[in-house]
Each structure stands twice: as structure tokens, then as C-alpha cells.
Amino acid sequence: MSLGPLENLRARLVAAWRDGAVSLKAMSFAMVGLINTVVDATAFFLLLGYVTSSLVFANVGAWLTAITGSFVMNSLTTFSAETGGRLRMKHFPGFVMSGIVAVTASTTAVVVAAKFMPVWAAKGIAILVSFAVNFTITHFVVFRRKSESADVH
């Protein structure tokens, strides 16, 4: 029984990992993520202190600021081979969707894990889940190389 696109994705994952490309990109993606954590927190507290008293507005505004910065940095660094070192807005909706899928997976992970361990440990697991989901979607779907996208069709 052939799994079609899933088998193709699995084969690409294995080949990329063997080539070392995935591990280097994952490290770069993580560094951008650390920078964006600072951007997110700074934007959150600035919005909360000077623009609004709404936690929801401040958090969403901070997230939008951080994801935009993440898109720019990852387009120009982590995935520069795939983007030609240029911003391509056609990738932005997929990048945002990968963030939404990642936060959904992270929220699910923290809620489930907190039933079995302290919340701080559950949050640690949720961060790892979010990173794994977000990086996988971003690397293998949003910024896939042209030859890989041609293989799918």
C-alpha cells in the first residue's frame, strides 16, 4: 500500500537529515525563534504599557509583530537558498498558518502533559512540540525547494 504524498515527505525528511541540511536549518530556525521571543515580549509589554490595557489585544499584536519579523529573518537567513535571499510574500500565508498549527499543537501538548507532570515541565514539552511542528511545516511545506514541489505534482 502506497502512502503517496506522506511517503514522499518521509523520504525527503530522511534524505535531508542525512545531508545535514535539516540540522543546520533547525539551529538557524531556533536562533531566529529566540530573537522573536524577545521581540514578542517587548512588543507585548510596550503595547500593554502604552497602547492598551487589553491582554488579548497586546498578545495578538505582539504575535503579529513577532511572526512578521520571523518571516523576514527566516526568509533572508534560514531559508535563503529556497527564497533566493528575497522576501516572497507568496510564502507569508503558509508561514502564518504554520505558526497557527504550531500554537494549536503546543496548547494541546501543554494541556495534556500538565495532567501528568508539573506545569513548568509541561510547558517545556509544549515548546519542543511547537518548535518541531513549526519547523517541519516551514521547512518541508512553506519553503520547500522548487524541485521538491515539482515532485509532488
Protein backbone atom coordinates (compact mmCIF):
# COMPACT_ATOMS: atom_id res chain seq x y z
CA MET A 1 0.00 0.00 0.00
CA SER A 2 1.48 3.33 -1.09
CA LEU A 3 1.03 6.37 1.12
CA GLY A 4 1.64 8.78 -1.79
CA PRO A 5 2.47 12.27 -0.53
CA LEU A 6 3.21 11.04 3.00
CA GLU A 7 5.77 8.56 1.70
CA ASN A 8 7.32 11.32 -0.41
CA LEU A 9 7.52 13.59 2.66
CA ARG A 10 9.11 10.79 4.72
CA ALA A 11 11.71 10.17 2.01
CA ARG A 12 12.54 13.89 1.82
CA LEU A 13 12.86 14.09 5.62
CA VAL A 14 15.28 11.14 5.74
CA ALA A 15 17.38 12.44 2.82
CA ALA A 16 17.57 15.97 4.21
CA TRP A 17 18.55 14.74 7.67
CA ARG A 18 21.34 12.60 6.19
CA ASP A 19 22.65 15.59 4.23
CA GLY A 20 22.83 17.66 7.42
CA ALA A 21 20.66 20.36 5.89
CA VAL A 22 17.85 19.87 8.38
CA SER A 23 20.01 20.10 11.48
CA LEU A 24 21.71 23.32 10.31
CA LYS A 25 18.41 24.88 9.32
CA ALA A 26 16.87 23.79 12.63
CA MET A 27 19.65 25.58 14.52
CA SER A 28 19.16 28.74 12.46
CA PHE A 29 15.37 28.49 12.91
CA ALA A 30 15.90 28.16 16.67
CA MET A 31 18.13 31.24 16.78
CA VAL A 32 15.51 33.26 14.90
CA GLY A 33 12.95 31.88 17.38
CA LEU A 34 15.00 33.13 20.33
CA ILE A 35 15.22 36.59 18.80
CA ASN A 36 11.49 36.53 18.16
CA THR A 37 10.78 35.59 21.74
CA VAL A 38 12.46 38.85 22.76
CA VAL A 39 10.56 40.75 20.04
CA ASP A 40 7.25 39.20 21.14
CA ALA A 41 7.78 40.00 24.82
CA THR A 42 8.99 43.54 24.09
CA ALA A 43 6.06 44.29 21.78
CA PHE A 44 3.64 42.78 24.31
CA PHE A 45 4.82 44.94 27.19
CA LEU A 46 5.08 48.09 25.04
CA LEU A 47 1.55 47.62 23.74
CA LEU A 48 0.28 46.86 27.22
CA GLY A 49 2.07 49.84 28.76
CA TYR A 50 1.42 52.49 26.12
CA VAL A 51 -1.42 51.43 23.80
CA THR A 52 -3.97 49.21 25.51
CA SER A 53 -4.91 47.57 28.78
CA SER A 54 -6.28 44.55 26.92
CA LEU A 55 -4.13 41.45 27.34
CA VAL A 56 -5.72 39.91 24.27
CA PHE A 57 -5.00 42.93 22.04
CA ALA A 58 -1.44 43.21 23.37
CA ASN A 59 -0.78 39.49 22.90
CA VAL A 60 -2.22 39.32 19.37
CA GLY A 61 -0.38 42.49 18.37
CA ALA A 62 2.86 41.12 19.77
CA TRP A 63 2.33 37.80 17.97
CA LEU A 64 1.68 39.57 14.66
CA THR A 65 4.83 41.66 15.14
CA ALA A 66 6.91 38.60 16.03
CA ILE A 67 5.63 36.38 13.22
CA THR A 68 6.28 39.12 10.68
CA GLY A 69 9.83 39.51 12.00
CA SER A 70 10.28 35.76 11.99
CA PHE A 71 9.13 35.57 8.38
CA VAL A 72 11.60 38.26 7.32
CA MET A 73 14.54 36.75 9.22
CA ASN A 74 13.83 33.16 8.16
CA SER A 75 13.31 34.19 4.52
CA LEU A 76 16.63 36.02 4.45
CA THR A 77 18.69 33.56 6.51
CA THR A 78 17.39 30.09 7.35
CA PHE A 79 15.58 29.55 4.05
CA SER A 80 17.62 31.90 1.85
CA ALA A 81 18.54 29.05 -0.53
CA GLU A 82 14.84 28.45 -1.15
CA THR A 83 13.87 32.13 -1.42
CA GLY A 84 16.91 33.38 -3.30
CA GLY A 85 17.58 35.61 -0.29
CA ARG A 86 14.48 37.65 -1.09
CA LEU A 87 11.19 38.20 0.65
CA ARG A 88 8.43 36.47 -1.25
CA MET A 89 5.01 37.35 0.03
CA LYS A 90 3.54 34.20 -1.52
CA HIS A 91 5.16 32.34 1.39
CA PHE A 92 3.70 34.56 4.12
CA PRO A 93 0.20 32.98 4.40
CA GLY A 94 1.71 29.49 4.71
CA PHE A 95 4.21 30.78 7.26
CA VAL A 96 1.39 32.26 9.36
CA MET A 97 -0.61 29.04 9.06
CA SER A 98 2.39 27.01 10.25
CA GLY A 99 2.51 29.27 13.31
CA ILE A 100 -1.19 28.72 13.95
CA VAL A 101 -0.81 24.94 13.63
CA ALA A 102 2.21 25.07 15.95
CA VAL A 103 0.42 27.08 18.65
CA THR A 104 -2.53 24.67 18.43
CA ALA A 105 -0.19 21.69 18.86
CA SER A 106 1.63 23.46 21.68
CA THR A 107 -1.59 24.27 23.51
CA THR A 108 -2.77 20.68 23.18
CA ALA A 109 0.59 19.39 24.42
CA VAL A 110 0.68 21.66 27.49
CA VAL A 111 -2.90 20.79 28.48
CA VAL A 112 -2.35 17.03 28.12
CA ALA A 113 1.13 16.97 29.66
CA ALA A 114 0.04 19.09 32.65
CA LYS A 115 -2.24 16.22 33.69
CA PHE A 116 0.84 14.06 34.27
CA MET A 117 3.59 16.45 35.37
CA PRO A 118 4.23 19.92 36.79
CA VAL A 119 3.10 22.81 34.58
CA TRP A 120 6.68 24.07 34.06
CA ALA A 121 7.67 20.67 32.63
CA ALA A 122 4.52 20.52 30.53
CA LYS A 123 5.35 23.96 29.12
CA GLY A 124 8.85 22.74 28.25
CA ILE A 125 7.35 19.84 26.31
CA ALA A 126 4.91 22.21 24.62
CA ILE A 127 7.79 24.44 23.48
CA LEU A 128 9.55 21.43 21.94
CA VAL A 129 6.33 20.31 20.24
CA SER A 130 5.74 23.80 18.87
CA PHE A 131 9.29 24.01 17.52
CA ALA A 132 9.11 20.58 15.88
CA VAL A 133 5.74 21.21 14.26
CA ASN A 134 6.54 24.75 13.13
CA PHE A 135 9.98 23.89 11.75
CA THR A 136 8.74 20.79 9.92
CA ILE A 137 5.89 22.63 8.21
CA THR A 138 8.02 25.66 7.43
CA HIS A 139 10.93 23.65 6.04
CA PHE A 140 9.10 20.95 4.12
CA VAL A 141 5.93 22.77 3.03
CA VAL A 142 6.22 26.58 3.14
CA PHE A 143 9.81 26.97 1.90
CA ARG A 144 10.31 23.70 0.04
CA ARG A 145 12.69 23.79 -2.89
CA LYS A 146 11.22 24.06 -6.36
CA SER A 147 12.42 20.56 -7.28
CA GLU A 148 10.57 19.16 -4.24
CA SER A 149 7.34 20.95 -5.14
CA ALA A 150 7.65 19.65 -8.71
CA ASP A 151 7.97 16.07 -7.36
CA VAL A 152 4.58 16.40 -5.65
CA HIS A 153 2.69 17.23 -8.87
